[in-house]
Amino acid sequence: MFSFFQSDSPYSIDIESVEEIFQIGKTVDGFLIGKEVYQGGMAILKEAIEESTQHTVLLKIPKVGRDHPIENLICFETELTVMRGLDSPYSPRFIKGGHMAINPYIAMEKVAGISLESMIQKNKQLPIDQVLTIAINLARAIQSLHSQEVIHLDLKPDNVLIDDKLETRIIDFGLAHHARFPDLLAEEMRKGIGSAPYISPEQIVGVRDDLRSDLFSFGVILYEMLTGTLPFDNPQTLNGLKKRFWSQPTPPRALRTDTPPWLQEIILRCLEPFAKDRFQSATHLRQLLREPDGVKLTERAHRQTALSFWESFCRWVKVAGYEPSSILRSTIIYEQAPLMVIAIDTATENLAMFERMQRAALNIMRVFPEGRISCIHILGNTPTFEGSREIDSTSGLYRGHLVRLKDWAKPLQMPAERISCHVLESMDPASKIIEFAADNEASVILIGASQEIPNRVIPWRSVMTKVVEEAPCSVHVVRI
């Protein structure tokens, strides 16, 4: 057993490696661990028996350790947060979640069916009546998510399960955005993230809170089911991704002559680069798929060929300096509350400073009763060469510091939607704190006073000094 923090304090935690925790035959939190059923890039799925009910469930376990990036843990926490707040018949039922230090897992209902990806791989082009049935059901599932203020942001055939009645379930919420909970990916990663063939143009430039992004991905899925090909291929570079800002895919009717004009109209409208030009809700989209007489046909419906070089060039010029459409807010408006960033050095054992910072945070929150908190630690020295043990890896270090941040925050007793914890990497902690506060439009930074002061005048500044001088907002310094 590895003790991440060696001294005996309220913040010292014994952290067992994730691989050791979830061995076949062990019982974890009332679940008897079974065989592995799937392994993805960020997590693995294992069958388990819920001992209280004897039902077979699935446990999703993040990959931690050598060669596994810290994004695995960020996406795991995102999915855990979203699934806890989601109640939809079109996604697996959330059963239970584990503690990051003791047993990080998500227990969920085991859903019958096969992935839409496997259907497409087997059949290439699906029959049109089958395409429409799946599309209608998938639009209903997306509508259910959006009505609960969840945007999936990683819709693709791999994340859609189909049963024998062609009913759909959406899985994998690791990249999702929930309007009423902290967006860990948005706060920590100022770049687009998603699956290359399906990601929307606005996601590429970092927009994560537009529900119409899911409708773009829906259009790609519909195009693929119908034609057996991808409208924008599978680009591997940023320039390749940006091609969808200006290019038009080959019209479906040019690849499949039995495609109805109204269906081509729907698909190509979903694939418009500007969200304002797409359908504005999954509800409307589903209605039109069920009642195609209501589809207003434009020149999109009658396209037979891809754009000429000149037409493509004109579109490229038009979208140079691409600016995403204004965000369409969900039905329940969530007003951003003032944010306080708390910078905590979890590599130390300064209990007096920790307690003083907790009291300061509580006092500041009394001024902002609807305020939010982001607790951050800057991880400077990460292993140059990762060892085989989890504790010798960057993601293992990340997990340990994340656990300590969460334990520091427990006495604040903040509701989940108002607090988040982040471990960030940088060799310049002050600059990273300033950057994080600026990117997230923080109102105040809470930081502990530097403990070591140089005894002569030299061109050197402490982390606290630099933050105080350069922060884009107020800074509250705690001293002991």
Protein backbone atom coordinates (compact mmCIF):
# COMPACT_ATOMS: atom_id res chain seq x y z
CA MET A 1 0.00 0.00 0.00
CA PHE A 2 1.41 3.38 -0.96
CA SER A 3 0.94 6.38 1.31
CA PHE A 4 0.94 9.41 -0.96
CA PHE A 5 1.51 11.76 1.96
CA GLN A 6 3.83 10.22 4.49
CA SER A 7 3.09 12.22 7.63
CA ASP A 8 0.12 11.44 9.85
CA SER A 9 -2.46 14.18 9.21
CA PRO A 10 -6.16 14.49 8.29
CA TYR A 11 -5.04 14.80 4.66
CA SER A 12 -2.81 11.72 4.50
CA ILE A 13 -4.38 8.98 2.39
CA ASP A 14 -3.36 5.43 1.49
CA ILE A 15 -3.92 5.00 -2.22
CA GLU A 16 -4.01 1.52 -3.70
CA SER A 17 -3.41 1.26 -7.44
CA VAL A 18 -6.53 1.01 -9.58
CA GLU A 19 -5.30 -2.18 -11.23
CA GLU A 20 -4.91 -3.90 -7.86
CA ILE A 21 -8.33 -2.79 -6.60
CA PHE A 22 -10.39 -4.30 -9.42
CA GLN A 23 -8.94 -7.81 -9.74
CA ILE A 24 -11.34 -10.59 -10.80
CA GLY A 25 -12.90 -12.24 -7.77
CA LYS A 26 -12.50 -9.29 -5.42
CA THR A 27 -15.49 -7.58 -3.84
CA VAL A 28 -15.49 -3.80 -4.14
CA ASP A 29 -18.20 -1.72 -2.49
CA GLY A 30 -20.72 -4.57 -2.69
CA PHE A 31 -19.80 -5.59 -6.26
CA LEU A 32 -18.14 -8.94 -7.05
CA ILE A 33 -15.68 -8.18 -9.87
CA GLY A 34 -16.01 -10.30 -13.00
CA LYS A 35 -14.39 -10.46 -16.40
CA GLU A 36 -13.35 -7.54 -18.59
CA VAL A 37 -15.83 -6.98 -21.43
CA TYR A 38 -14.43 -3.92 -23.16
CA GLN A 39 -11.27 -1.83 -23.18
CA GLY A 40 -11.25 1.70 -24.58
CA GLY A 41 -8.63 4.39 -24.73
CA MET A 42 -9.59 5.99 -21.41
CA ALA A 43 -11.35 3.27 -19.41
CA ILE A 44 -12.19 -0.41 -19.17
CA LEU A 45 -15.55 -2.08 -18.58
CA LYS A 46 -15.89 -5.08 -16.29
CA GLU A 47 -18.90 -7.18 -15.45
CA ALA A 48 -19.79 -7.38 -11.77
CA ILE A 49 -22.47 -8.95 -9.61
CA GLU A 50 -24.30 -6.50 -7.35
CA GLU A 51 -24.42 -8.62 -4.21
CA SER A 52 -27.54 -6.96 -2.77
CA THR A 53 -29.64 -7.81 -5.85
CA GLN A 54 -27.56 -10.50 -7.62
CA HIS A 55 -27.96 -8.50 -10.83
CA THR A 56 -25.16 -8.30 -13.39
CA VAL A 57 -23.97 -4.72 -13.85
CA LEU A 58 -21.10 -2.98 -15.59
CA LEU A 59 -18.27 -1.17 -13.81
CA LYS A 60 -16.44 1.53 -15.72
CA ILE A 61 -12.91 1.97 -14.38
CA PRO A 62 -10.48 4.70 -15.49
CA LYS A 63 -7.09 3.75 -16.85
CA VAL A 64 -4.39 5.09 -14.54
CA GLY A 65 -0.65 4.56 -14.62
CA ARG A 66 2.09 4.32 -17.19
CA ASP A 67 1.29 5.84 -20.61
CA HIS A 68 -2.22 6.84 -19.52
CA PRO A 69 -2.80 10.62 -19.66
CA ILE A 70 -4.46 12.60 -16.89
CA GLU A 71 -7.38 13.29 -19.28
CA ASN A 72 -8.56 9.76 -18.41
CA LEU A 73 -9.30 10.88 -14.85
CA ILE A 74 -10.82 14.21 -15.94
CA CYS A 75 -13.21 12.41 -18.30
CA PHE A 76 -14.00 9.82 -15.62
CA GLU A 77 -14.98 12.53 -13.13
CA THR A 78 -17.01 14.28 -15.83
CA GLU A 79 -18.96 11.12 -16.61
CA LEU A 80 -19.52 10.36 -12.92
CA THR A 81 -20.89 13.87 -12.35
CA VAL A 82 -23.16 13.81 -15.41
CA MET A 83 -24.54 10.31 -14.84
CA ARG A 84 -25.36 11.05 -11.21
CA GLY A 85 -27.62 13.88 -12.35
CA LEU A 86 -29.14 12.14 -15.38
CA ASP A 87 -32.43 10.26 -15.41
CA SER A 88 -33.18 9.10 -18.92
CA PRO A 89 -34.59 5.84 -20.32
CA TYR A 90 -32.24 6.33 -23.28
CA SER A 91 -28.97 5.93 -21.36
CA PRO A 92 -27.76 3.28 -18.91
CA ARG A 93 -29.14 3.71 -15.40
CA PHE A 94 -26.58 4.99 -12.93
CA ILE A 95 -26.27 2.74 -9.88
CA LYS A 96 -23.32 3.92 -7.82
CA GLY A 97 -19.98 5.71 -7.98
CA GLY A 98 -16.76 5.07 -6.10
CA HIS A 99 -14.29 7.34 -4.32
CA MET A 100 -11.28 8.52 -6.34
CA ALA A 101 -8.83 7.39 -3.63
CA ILE A 102 -10.39 4.11 -2.57
CA ASN A 103 -12.17 2.64 -5.59
CA PRO A 104 -12.76 4.86 -8.65
CA TYR A 105 -15.58 3.28 -10.64
CA ILE A 106 -18.99 3.97 -12.13
CA ALA A 107 -21.55 1.18 -11.68
CA MET A 108 -24.26 1.22 -14.31
CA GLU A 109 -27.02 -0.90 -15.77
CA LYS A 110 -25.90 -3.49 -18.31
CA VAL A 111 -27.79 -2.61 -21.47
CA ALA A 112 -28.71 -5.15 -24.13
CA GLY A 113 -27.82 -4.44 -27.74
CA ILE A 114 -24.96 -3.95 -30.16
CA SER A 115 -23.20 -0.76 -31.16
CA LEU A 116 -24.40 1.14 -34.19
CA GLU A 117 -20.77 1.08 -35.35
CA SER A 118 -20.84 -2.71 -35.65
CA MET A 119 -24.09 -2.51 -37.66
CA ILE A 120 -22.53 -0.06 -40.10
CA GLN A 121 -19.32 -2.07 -40.39
CA LYS A 122 -21.32 -5.20 -41.17
CA ASN A 123 -23.81 -3.71 -43.63
CA LYS A 124 -22.03 -0.56 -44.92
CA GLN A 125 -25.25 1.08 -46.19
CA LEU A 126 -28.30 0.39 -44.02
CA PRO A 127 -31.79 0.10 -45.59
CA ILE A 128 -33.49 3.50 -45.67
CA ASP A 129 -36.43 2.41 -43.50
CA GLN A 130 -33.92 1.14 -40.92
CA VAL A 131 -31.94 4.38 -41.14
CA LEU A 132 -35.08 6.40 -40.46
CA THR A 133 -36.21 4.25 -37.52
CA ILE A 134 -32.80 4.51 -35.85
CA ALA A 135 -32.57 8.24 -36.61
CA ILE A 136 -35.99 8.96 -35.11
CA ASN A 137 -35.16 6.98 -31.98
CA LEU A 138 -31.72 8.58 -31.67
CA ALA A 139 -33.21 12.08 -32.01
CA ARG A 140 -35.60 11.22 -29.18
CA ALA A 141 -32.66 10.09 -27.01
CA ILE A 142 -30.76 13.32 -27.74
CA GLN A 143 -33.91 15.29 -26.95
CA SER A 144 -34.10 13.54 -23.57
CA LEU A 145 -30.50 14.56 -22.74
CA HIS A 146 -30.99 18.15 -23.84
CA SER A 147 -34.17 18.48 -21.77
CA GLN A 148 -32.01 17.73 -18.71
CA GLU A 149 -29.37 20.27 -19.76
CA VAL A 150 -26.86 17.63 -20.84
CA ILE A 151 -24.95 18.00 -24.12
CA HIS A 152 -23.18 14.76 -25.05
CA LEU A 153 -20.42 16.20 -27.29
CA ASP A 154 -19.14 12.76 -28.35
CA LEU A 155 -22.01 11.27 -30.32
CA LYS A 156 -20.75 8.61 -32.72
CA PRO A 157 -21.88 5.11 -33.75
CA ASP A 158 -19.60 3.54 -31.10
CA ASN A 159 -21.55 5.39 -28.40
CA VAL A 160 -25.01 4.36 -29.61
CA LEU A 161 -26.38 0.95 -28.64
CA ILE A 162 -29.14 -0.63 -30.73
CA ASP A 163 -31.45 -3.39 -29.49
CA ASP A 164 -33.45 -5.87 -31.57
CA LYS A 165 -36.32 -3.37 -31.87
CA LEU A 166 -33.93 -0.65 -33.13
CA GLU A 167 -34.38 1.32 -29.92
CA THR A 168 -31.32 3.38 -29.02
CA ARG A 169 -29.31 4.01 -25.86
CA ILE A 170 -26.57 6.63 -25.67
CA ILE A 171 -23.48 5.74 -23.65
CA ASP A 172 -20.11 7.27 -22.64
CA PHE A 173 -20.53 10.72 -21.10
CA GLY A 174 -16.82 11.38 -20.54
CA LEU A 175 -16.81 14.48 -22.76
CA ALA A 176 -20.30 15.72 -21.87
CA HIS A 177 -21.31 19.15 -20.61
CA HIS A 178 -23.95 19.66 -17.90
CA ALA A 179 -25.27 23.19 -17.50
CA ARG A 180 -25.68 22.92 -13.72
CA PHE A 181 -22.35 21.29 -12.84
CA PRO A 182 -18.73 22.44 -13.23
CA ASP A 183 -17.35 21.65 -16.69
CA LEU A 184 -13.99 20.10 -15.78
CA LEU A 185 -12.88 19.79 -19.40
CA ALA A 186 -13.71 23.41 -20.19
CA GLU A 187 -11.96 24.65 -17.05
CA GLU A 188 -8.78 22.63 -17.54
CA MET A 189 -8.41 22.22 -21.30
CA ARG A 190 -8.65 25.26 -23.53
CA LYS A 191 -8.85 23.24 -26.76
CA GLY A 192 -11.38 21.32 -28.76
CA ILE A 193 -11.90 17.71 -27.78
CA GLY A 194 -13.99 15.01 -29.40
CA SER A 195 -13.92 12.26 -32.05
CA ALA A 196 -12.45 13.63 -35.27
CA PRO A 197 -15.05 12.43 -37.83
CA TYR A 198 -18.01 13.62 -35.70
CA ILE A 199 -16.86 16.73 -33.82
CA SER A 200 -18.70 19.96 -34.64
CA PRO A 201 -16.89 23.07 -35.93
CA GLU A 202 -17.61 25.06 -32.78
CA GLN A 203 -16.16 22.28 -30.59
CA ILE A 204 -12.91 22.52 -32.53
CA VAL A 205 -12.51 26.13 -31.35
CA GLY A 206 -13.38 25.20 -27.75
CA VAL A 207 -17.16 25.84 -27.49
CA ARG A 208 -18.72 23.18 -25.26
CA ASP A 209 -22.09 24.62 -24.28
CA ASP A 210 -24.08 24.67 -27.54
CA LEU A 211 -26.63 21.85 -27.77
CA ARG A 212 -26.60 22.17 -31.57
CA SER A 213 -23.14 20.53 -31.54
CA ASP A 214 -24.93 17.23 -30.92
CA LEU A 215 -27.13 17.87 -33.96
CA PHE A 216 -24.04 18.23 -36.16
CA SER A 217 -22.75 14.86 -34.89
CA PHE A 218 -26.24 13.42 -35.48
CA GLY A 219 -25.98 14.56 -39.11
CA VAL A 220 -22.63 12.79 -39.51
CA ILE A 221 -24.10 9.58 -38.08
CA LEU A 222 -27.13 9.80 -40.37
CA TYR A 223 -24.85 10.39 -43.40
CA GLU A 224 -22.72 7.38 -42.44
CA MET A 225 -25.69 5.05 -41.91
CA LEU A 226 -27.07 6.03 -45.31
CA THR A 227 -23.90 6.06 -47.45
CA GLY A 228 -21.42 3.89 -45.56
CA THR A 229 -18.87 6.73 -45.69
CA LEU A 230 -17.97 9.74 -43.56
CA PRO A 231 -18.82 13.24 -44.83
CA PHE A 232 -15.48 14.76 -43.72
CA ASP A 233 -13.32 11.60 -43.63
CA ASN A 234 -11.24 10.97 -40.50
CA PRO A 235 -8.74 13.86 -40.27
CA GLN A 236 -5.72 13.50 -37.97
CA THR A 237 -4.54 17.12 -37.92
CA LEU A 238 -6.07 20.42 -36.80
CA ASN A 239 -6.03 21.74 -40.39
CA GLY A 240 -7.84 18.59 -41.47
CA LEU A 241 -10.49 19.13 -38.81
CA LYS A 242 -10.96 22.74 -39.85
CA LYS A 243 -11.85 21.68 -43.37
CA ARG A 244 -15.44 21.22 -42.23
CA PHE A 245 -15.62 25.00 -41.62
CA TRP A 246 -15.82 25.58 -45.36
CA SER A 247 -16.12 22.29 -47.28
CA GLN A 248 -19.34 20.60 -48.32
CA PRO A 249 -19.59 16.81 -48.23
CA THR A 250 -20.48 14.86 -51.32
CA PRO A 251 -24.30 14.93 -51.44
CA PRO A 252 -25.80 11.63 -50.22
CA ARG A 253 -27.87 11.32 -53.40
CA ALA A 254 -24.63 11.23 -55.42
CA LEU A 255 -23.54 8.19 -53.42
CA ARG A 256 -26.96 6.56 -53.06
CA THR A 257 -29.56 7.35 -55.68
CA ASP A 258 -32.54 6.11 -53.64
CA THR A 259 -32.01 8.84 -51.02
CA PRO A 260 -35.16 11.02 -50.83
CA PRO A 261 -34.50 14.75 -51.45
CA TRP A 262 -36.07 15.65 -48.10
CA LEU A 263 -33.66 13.31 -46.26
CA GLN A 264 -30.68 14.87 -48.01
CA GLU A 265 -32.01 18.28 -47.00
CA ILE A 266 -32.11 17.22 -43.33
CA ILE A 267 -28.63 15.67 -43.37
CA LEU A 268 -26.90 18.58 -45.10
CA ARG A 269 -28.63 21.13 -42.91
CA CYS A 270 -27.36 19.28 -39.81
CA LEU A 271 -23.84 19.56 -41.27
CA GLU A 272 -23.84 23.33 -41.72
CA PRO A 273 -20.66 24.86 -40.21
CA PHE A 274 -22.56 27.57 -38.34
CA ALA A 275 -24.89 26.32 -35.62
CA LYS A 276 -27.47 29.00 -36.41
CA ASP A 277 -27.98 27.41 -39.86
CA ARG A 278 -28.75 23.94 -38.48
CA PHE A 279 -31.95 22.70 -36.88
CA GLN A 280 -32.26 24.34 -33.50
CA SER A 281 -33.55 21.38 -31.48
CA ALA A 282 -33.64 17.60 -31.54
CA THR A 283 -37.41 17.86 -31.04
CA HIS A 284 -37.87 19.67 -34.36
CA LEU A 285 -35.48 17.29 -36.07
CA ARG A 286 -37.38 14.23 -34.88
CA GLN A 287 -40.70 15.74 -35.92
CA LEU A 288 -39.44 16.28 -39.48
CA LEU A 289 -38.01 12.76 -39.72
CA ARG A 290 -41.44 11.43 -38.77
CA GLU A 291 -43.37 13.85 -41.00
CA PRO A 292 -41.15 14.58 -44.04
CA ASP A 293 -43.90 16.58 -45.76
CA GLY A 294 -42.97 19.37 -43.37
CA VAL A 295 -39.37 19.59 -44.60
CA LYS A 296 -38.75 22.81 -46.50
CA LEU A 297 -36.63 21.91 -49.51
CA THR A 298 -33.79 24.23 -50.52
CA GLU A 299 -30.94 23.85 -52.99
CA ARG A 300 -29.40 21.39 -50.51
CA ALA A 301 -32.08 18.81 -51.41
CA HIS A 302 -31.14 18.86 -55.10
CA ARG A 303 -27.35 18.81 -54.96
CA GLN A 304 -25.83 16.06 -57.06
CA THR A 305 -22.13 16.91 -57.00
CA ALA A 306 -19.56 18.30 -54.61
CA LEU A 307 -18.52 21.94 -54.86
CA SER A 308 -16.17 23.04 -57.62
CA PHE A 309 -12.72 24.38 -56.75
CA TRP A 310 -13.92 27.97 -57.16
CA GLU A 311 -17.03 27.44 -55.03
CA SER A 312 -14.92 25.79 -52.33
CA PHE A 313 -12.45 28.69 -52.43
CA CYS A 314 -15.26 31.23 -52.02
CA ARG A 315 -16.59 29.34 -48.98
CA TRP A 316 -13.07 29.18 -47.56
CA VAL A 317 -12.76 32.95 -47.83
CA LYS A 318 -16.20 33.42 -46.27
CA VAL A 319 -15.35 31.46 -43.12
CA ALA A 320 -11.78 32.72 -42.68
CA GLY A 321 -11.49 33.72 -39.03
CA TYR A 322 -14.39 31.41 -38.15
CA GLU A 323 -16.50 32.72 -35.28
CA PRO A 324 -19.06 30.29 -33.83
CA SER A 325 -22.73 31.21 -33.64
CA SER A 326 -24.16 32.77 -30.50
CA ILE A 327 -24.99 30.11 -27.93
CA LEU A 328 -28.55 28.84 -27.78
CA ARG A 329 -29.22 28.42 -24.06
CA SER A 330 -31.24 25.49 -22.72
CA THR A 331 -34.75 25.92 -21.40
CA ILE A 332 -33.61 26.25 -17.77
CA ILE A 333 -31.30 29.24 -17.68
CA TYR A 334 -28.22 28.72 -15.55
CA GLU A 335 -26.61 31.99 -14.55
CA GLN A 336 -22.87 31.83 -14.00
CA ALA A 337 -22.13 32.69 -10.37
CA PRO A 338 -18.93 34.43 -9.23
CA LEU A 339 -15.96 32.06 -9.21
CA MET A 340 -13.23 31.86 -6.56
CA VAL A 341 -10.04 30.02 -7.50
CA ILE A 342 -8.24 28.53 -4.49
CA ALA A 343 -4.59 27.64 -5.13
CA ILE A 344 -3.48 24.93 -2.68
CA ASP A 345 -0.04 23.40 -2.40
CA THR A 346 -1.02 19.81 -1.67
CA ALA A 347 2.63 18.72 -1.74
CA THR A 348 3.10 20.27 1.72
CA GLU A 349 1.83 19.34 5.19
CA ASN A 350 1.15 22.87 6.43
CA LEU A 351 -2.02 22.08 8.38
CA ALA A 352 -2.21 25.54 9.94
CA MET A 353 -2.22 27.13 6.47
CA PHE A 354 -4.78 24.62 5.19
CA GLU A 355 -7.17 25.38 8.04
CA ARG A 356 -6.69 29.14 7.73
CA MET A 357 -7.45 28.94 4.00
CA GLN A 358 -10.60 26.91 4.72
CA ARG A 359 -11.85 29.60 7.10
CA ALA A 360 -11.03 32.34 4.58
CA ALA A 361 -12.89 30.47 1.83
CA LEU A 362 -15.98 30.10 4.02
CA ASN A 363 -15.91 33.81 4.89
CA ILE A 364 -15.66 34.81 1.23
CA MET A 365 -18.51 32.47 0.28
CA ARG A 366 -20.74 34.25 2.79
CA VAL A 367 -20.38 37.33 0.58
CA PHE A 368 -21.22 35.28 -2.54
CA PRO A 369 -23.99 32.87 -1.46
CA GLU A 370 -24.32 31.58 -5.04
CA GLY A 371 -20.59 31.62 -5.70
CA ARG A 372 -18.56 28.74 -7.08
CA ILE A 373 -15.14 27.40 -6.10
CA SER A 374 -12.37 25.80 -8.16
CA CYS A 375 -9.60 24.26 -6.05
CA ILE A 376 -6.36 23.84 -7.98
CA HIS A 377 -2.91 22.40 -7.42
CA ILE A 378 -0.06 22.90 -9.88
CA LEU A 379 1.91 19.73 -10.52
CA GLY A 380 5.43 20.75 -11.51
CA ASN A 381 7.74 17.75 -11.52
CA THR A 382 6.24 14.78 -13.35
CA PRO A 383 8.16 11.57 -14.09
CA THR A 384 10.44 11.83 -17.13
CA PHE A 385 10.34 8.06 -17.45
CA GLU A 386 7.20 6.46 -16.07
CA GLY A 387 7.58 3.28 -14.03
CA SER A 388 5.35 0.25 -14.17
CA ARG A 389 3.63 1.12 -10.87
CA GLU A 390 0.75 3.60 -10.83
CA ILE A 391 2.54 5.80 -8.26
CA ASP A 392 5.46 6.23 -10.67
CA SER A 393 3.29 7.72 -13.41
CA THR A 394 1.97 11.19 -14.11
CA SER A 395 -1.66 10.04 -13.90
CA GLY A 396 -0.91 8.31 -10.60
CA LEU A 397 0.54 11.52 -9.15
CA TYR A 398 -2.47 13.40 -10.50
CA ARG A 399 -4.85 11.01 -8.77
CA GLY A 400 -3.04 11.41 -5.45
CA HIS A 401 -3.10 15.22 -5.51
CA LEU A 402 -6.72 15.21 -6.69
CA VAL A 403 -7.72 13.09 -3.71
CA ARG A 404 -5.97 15.51 -1.37
CA LEU A 405 -7.70 18.52 -2.93
CA LYS A 406 -11.08 16.85 -2.46
CA ASP A 407 -10.30 16.08 1.18
CA TRP A 408 -9.20 19.67 1.77
CA ALA A 409 -12.54 20.86 0.33
CA LYS A 410 -14.77 18.52 2.39
CA PRO A 411 -15.14 20.88 5.39
CA LEU A 412 -16.50 23.60 3.07
CA GLN A 413 -19.61 21.43 2.56
CA MET A 414 -20.27 22.89 -0.86
CA PRO A 415 -22.89 21.26 -3.13
CA ALA A 416 -21.42 19.37 -6.08
CA GLU A 417 -22.64 21.90 -8.65
CA ARG A 418 -20.69 24.70 -6.97
CA ILE A 419 -17.22 23.18 -6.51
CA SER A 420 -14.61 21.49 -8.68
CA CYS A 421 -11.05 20.28 -8.12
CA HIS A 422 -8.23 20.37 -10.67
CA VAL A 423 -4.62 19.25 -10.83
CA LEU A 424 -2.77 21.18 -13.54
CA GLU A 425 0.72 20.70 -14.97
CA SER A 426 3.21 23.55 -15.29
CA MET A 427 6.79 24.42 -14.36
CA ASP A 428 5.59 27.98 -13.69
CA PRO A 429 2.85 27.66 -11.02
CA ALA A 430 2.12 31.40 -10.80
CA SER A 431 1.53 31.76 -14.54
CA LYS A 432 -0.71 28.69 -14.56
CA ILE A 433 -2.82 30.03 -11.68
CA ILE A 434 -3.17 33.38 -13.49
CA GLU A 435 -4.04 31.66 -16.78
CA PHE A 436 -6.66 29.42 -15.14
CA ALA A 437 -8.27 32.40 -13.39
CA ALA A 438 -8.36 34.41 -16.63
CA ASP A 439 -9.73 31.56 -18.77
CA ASN A 440 -12.54 30.90 -16.27
CA GLU A 441 -13.28 34.58 -15.54
CA ALA A 442 -12.62 34.23 -11.82
CA SER A 443 -13.69 37.00 -9.45
CA VAL A 444 -11.09 36.27 -6.77
CA ILE A 445 -8.01 34.11 -6.20
CA LEU A 446 -7.34 32.73 -2.70
CA ILE A 447 -3.69 31.83 -2.10
CA GLY A 448 -1.44 31.17 0.86
CA ALA A 449 1.46 33.52 1.60
CA SER A 450 4.90 32.34 0.55
CA GLN A 451 6.78 30.77 3.46
CA GLU A 452 10.31 31.42 2.22
CA ILE A 453 11.45 35.03 1.73
CA PRO A 454 14.88 35.77 0.19
CA ASN A 455 17.29 37.61 2.46
CA ARG A 456 18.72 39.83 -0.24
CA VAL A 457 17.39 41.73 -3.24
CA ILE A 458 17.56 39.48 -6.27
CA PRO A 459 15.52 39.31 -9.50
CA TRP A 460 13.16 36.67 -8.10
CA ARG A 461 9.54 36.63 -7.13
CA SER A 462 7.56 34.09 -5.17
CA VAL A 463 4.47 32.44 -6.64
CA MET A 464 2.29 34.57 -4.37
CA THR A 465 4.04 37.80 -5.41
CA LYS A 466 3.62 37.12 -9.12
CA VAL A 467 -0.04 36.15 -8.71
CA VAL A 468 -0.75 39.31 -6.72
CA GLU A 469 0.97 41.52 -9.31
CA GLU A 470 -0.41 39.94 -12.49
CA ALA A 471 -3.78 38.38 -11.63
CA PRO A 472 -6.77 39.56 -13.70
CA CYS A 473 -8.96 39.71 -10.57
CA SER A 474 -8.80 40.36 -6.84
CA VAL A 475 -6.34 38.26 -4.80
CA HIS A 476 -6.89 37.31 -1.16
CA VAL A 477 -3.64 36.27 0.56
CA VAL A 478 -3.83 34.07 3.66
CA ARG A 479 -1.02 34.38 6.22
CA ILE A 480 -0.17 32.45 9.36
